[in-house]
Amino acid sequence: MRIHAHDLAIGDVLQLHDWRLHITAVEHERATAVLTAEFASLLHFTRDDWVEVVGDHHQAPAAA
């Protein structure tokens, strides 16, 4: 399933080329940055980039 990067949430599995990356943290300051279980550094996307997720997409909690 393709979604915008700003819709990524903890628990999503990001398909990036031939890698499946398990998202453990998401930052939404100026762009979207995600931390995955497989890499120790953040992966950066613009908020409107289309990304591929595998399986069910998890909804991000509503901002307070």
N, C-alpha and C. Protein backbone atom coordinates (compact mmCIF):
# COMPACT_ATOMS: atom_id res chain seq x y z
N MET A 1 0.84 -1.16 0.00
CA MET A 1 0.00 0.00 0.00
C MET A 1 0.90 1.23 0.00
N ARG A 2 0.54 2.24 -0.79
CA ARG A 2 1.30 3.50 -0.84
C ARG A 2 0.57 4.55 0.00
N ILE A 3 1.33 5.23 0.85
CA ILE A 3 0.78 6.31 1.67
C ILE A 3 1.77 7.47 1.66
N HIS A 4 1.33 8.64 2.11
CA HIS A 4 2.25 9.77 2.26
C HIS A 4 3.13 9.53 3.48
N ALA A 5 4.36 10.00 3.42
CA ALA A 5 5.31 9.81 4.52
C ALA A 5 4.78 10.38 5.82
N HIS A 6 4.03 11.48 5.76
CA HIS A 6 3.52 12.07 7.02
C HIS A 6 2.48 11.19 7.70
N ASP A 7 2.01 10.15 7.03
CA ASP A 7 1.05 9.22 7.62
C ASP A 7 1.72 7.99 8.24
N LEU A 8 3.04 7.88 8.13
CA LEU A 8 3.74 6.75 8.74
C LEU A 8 3.56 6.77 10.25
N ALA A 9 3.49 5.58 10.84
CA ALA A 9 3.29 5.47 12.29
C ALA A 9 4.14 4.32 12.83
N ILE A 10 4.38 4.37 14.12
CA ILE A 10 5.10 3.29 14.79
C ILE A 10 4.35 1.98 14.55
N GLY A 11 5.08 0.95 14.21
CA GLY A 11 4.49 -0.35 13.93
C GLY A 11 4.32 -0.62 12.44
N ASP A 12 4.39 0.41 11.60
CA ASP A 12 4.32 0.18 10.15
C ASP A 12 5.59 -0.53 9.70
N VAL A 13 5.47 -1.27 8.61
CA VAL A 13 6.62 -1.91 7.98
C VAL A 13 6.82 -1.21 6.64
N LEU A 14 7.92 -0.50 6.53
CA LEU A 14 8.25 0.30 5.35
C LEU A 14 9.00 -0.57 4.36
N GLN A 15 8.52 -0.62 3.12
CA GLN A 15 9.21 -1.34 2.05
C GLN A 15 10.07 -0.33 1.32
N LEU A 16 11.38 -0.47 1.42
CA LEU A 16 12.31 0.45 0.78
C LEU A 16 13.25 -0.39 -0.08
N HIS A 17 13.05 -0.33 -1.40
CA HIS A 17 13.75 -1.20 -2.34
C HIS A 17 13.43 -2.66 -1.98
N ASP A 18 14.44 -3.47 -1.66
CA ASP A 18 14.13 -4.86 -1.30
C ASP A 18 14.21 -5.10 0.21
N TRP A 19 14.20 -4.01 1.00
CA TRP A 19 14.26 -4.12 2.46
C TRP A 19 12.89 -3.88 3.07
N ARG A 20 12.58 -4.62 4.11
CA ARG A 20 11.39 -4.37 4.93
C ARG A 20 11.88 -3.84 6.28
N LEU A 21 11.54 -2.60 6.57
CA LEU A 21 12.05 -1.90 7.74
C LEU A 21 10.91 -1.66 8.73
N HIS A 22 11.12 -2.04 9.97
CA HIS A 22 10.09 -1.94 11.01
C HIS A 22 10.24 -0.62 11.76
N ILE A 23 9.25 0.25 11.64
CA ILE A 23 9.32 1.59 12.21
C ILE A 23 9.12 1.54 13.72
N THR A 24 10.08 2.15 14.45
CA THR A 24 10.03 2.18 15.90
C THR A 24 9.81 3.58 16.45
N ALA A 25 10.02 4.62 15.63
CA ALA A 25 9.79 6.00 16.06
C ALA A 25 9.57 6.86 14.82
N VAL A 26 8.77 7.92 14.97
CA VAL A 26 8.48 8.84 13.88
C VAL A 26 8.59 10.27 14.40
N GLU A 27 9.26 11.15 13.65
CA GLU A 27 9.35 12.57 13.97
C GLU A 27 8.71 13.36 12.85
N HIS A 28 7.87 14.32 13.21
CA HIS A 28 7.19 15.15 12.22
C HIS A 28 7.46 16.63 12.49
N GLU A 29 8.68 17.07 12.38
CA GLU A 29 8.94 18.48 12.61
C GLU A 29 8.79 19.24 11.30
N ARG A 30 9.83 19.37 10.52
CA ARG A 30 9.73 20.03 9.21
C ARG A 30 9.41 19.02 8.11
N ALA A 31 9.98 17.85 8.25
CA ALA A 31 9.74 16.76 7.30
C ALA A 31 9.36 15.55 8.14
N THR A 32 9.41 14.39 7.55
CA THR A 32 9.14 13.16 8.31
C THR A 32 10.43 12.37 8.39
N ALA A 33 10.77 11.96 9.60
CA ALA A 33 11.95 11.13 9.81
C ALA A 33 11.50 9.91 10.60
N VAL A 34 11.99 8.75 10.20
CA VAL A 34 11.60 7.52 10.89
C VAL A 34 12.85 6.78 11.37
N LEU A 35 12.73 6.16 12.52
CA LEU A 35 13.77 5.29 13.05
C LEU A 35 13.26 3.87 12.89
N THR A 36 14.11 2.99 12.43
CA THR A 36 13.70 1.61 12.21
C THR A 36 14.53 0.68 13.09
N ALA A 37 14.01 -0.52 13.30
CA ALA A 37 14.71 -1.53 14.09
C ALA A 37 16.00 -1.96 13.40
N GLU A 38 16.05 -1.80 12.09
CA GLU A 38 17.19 -2.30 11.32
C GLU A 38 18.35 -1.30 11.19
N PHE A 39 18.09 0.00 11.37
CA PHE A 39 19.12 1.02 11.22
C PHE A 39 19.16 1.90 12.46
N ALA A 40 20.34 2.38 12.83
CA ALA A 40 20.50 3.21 14.02
C ALA A 40 20.35 4.70 13.72
N SER A 41 20.17 5.06 12.45
CA SER A 41 20.02 6.47 12.10
C SER A 41 18.65 6.71 11.49
N LEU A 42 18.23 7.97 11.50
CA LEU A 42 16.92 8.33 10.96
C LEU A 42 16.92 8.29 9.44
N LEU A 43 15.82 7.88 8.87
CA LEU A 43 15.59 7.97 7.43
C LEU A 43 14.65 9.15 7.21
N HIS A 44 15.00 10.06 6.29
CA HIS A 44 14.24 11.29 6.09
C HIS A 44 13.45 11.26 4.79
N PHE A 45 12.23 11.77 4.86
CA PHE A 45 11.35 11.93 3.70
C PHE A 45 10.70 13.30 3.79
N THR A 46 10.31 13.87 2.65
CA THR A 46 9.45 15.04 2.72
C THR A 46 8.08 14.56 3.16
N ARG A 47 7.28 15.45 3.70
CA ARG A 47 5.97 15.04 4.22
C ARG A 47 5.08 14.44 3.14
N ASP A 48 5.22 14.91 1.90
CA ASP A 48 4.34 14.45 0.82
C ASP A 48 4.93 13.34 -0.03
N ASP A 49 6.12 12.84 0.32
CA ASP A 49 6.68 11.70 -0.41
C ASP A 49 5.73 10.51 -0.28
N TRP A 50 5.60 9.75 -1.37
CA TRP A 50 4.85 8.51 -1.33
C TRP A 50 5.80 7.40 -0.88
N VAL A 51 5.38 6.60 0.09
CA VAL A 51 6.17 5.47 0.56
C VAL A 51 5.31 4.22 0.52
N GLU A 52 5.98 3.09 0.46
CA GLU A 52 5.28 1.79 0.40
C GLU A 52 5.33 1.15 1.78
N VAL A 53 4.17 0.75 2.30
CA VAL A 53 4.12 0.00 3.55
C VAL A 53 3.58 -1.39 3.25
N VAL A 54 4.03 -2.35 4.05
CA VAL A 54 3.65 -3.75 3.88
C VAL A 54 2.61 -4.10 4.93
N GLY A 55 1.58 -4.81 4.54
CA GLY A 55 0.55 -5.22 5.50
C GLY A 55 -0.35 -4.07 5.89
N ASP A 56 -0.88 -4.16 7.10
CA ASP A 56 -1.81 -3.14 7.60
C ASP A 56 -1.06 -1.88 8.01
N HIS A 57 -1.60 -0.74 7.62
CA HIS A 57 -1.04 0.55 8.03
C HIS A 57 -1.60 0.91 9.39
N HIS A 58 -0.75 1.30 10.32
CA HIS A 58 -1.18 1.70 11.67
C HIS A 58 -1.50 3.19 11.65
N GLN A 59 -2.57 3.57 12.26
CA GLN A 59 -2.94 4.98 12.35
C GLN A 59 -2.13 5.66 13.44
N ALA A 60 -1.56 6.82 13.12
CA ALA A 60 -0.82 7.59 14.12
C ALA A 60 -1.81 8.14 15.13
N PRO A 61 -1.44 8.21 16.42
CA PRO A 61 -2.33 8.78 17.42
C PRO A 61 -2.61 10.24 17.10
N ALA A 62 -3.81 10.70 17.39
CA ALA A 62 -4.19 12.08 17.13
C ALA A 62 -3.38 13.02 18.01
N ALA A 63 -2.96 14.13 17.44
CA ALA A 63 -2.18 15.12 18.21
C ALA A 63 -3.09 15.81 19.21
N ALA A 64 -2.56 16.07 20.40
CA ALA A 64 -3.36 16.74 21.43
C ALA A 64 -3.42 18.22 21.24
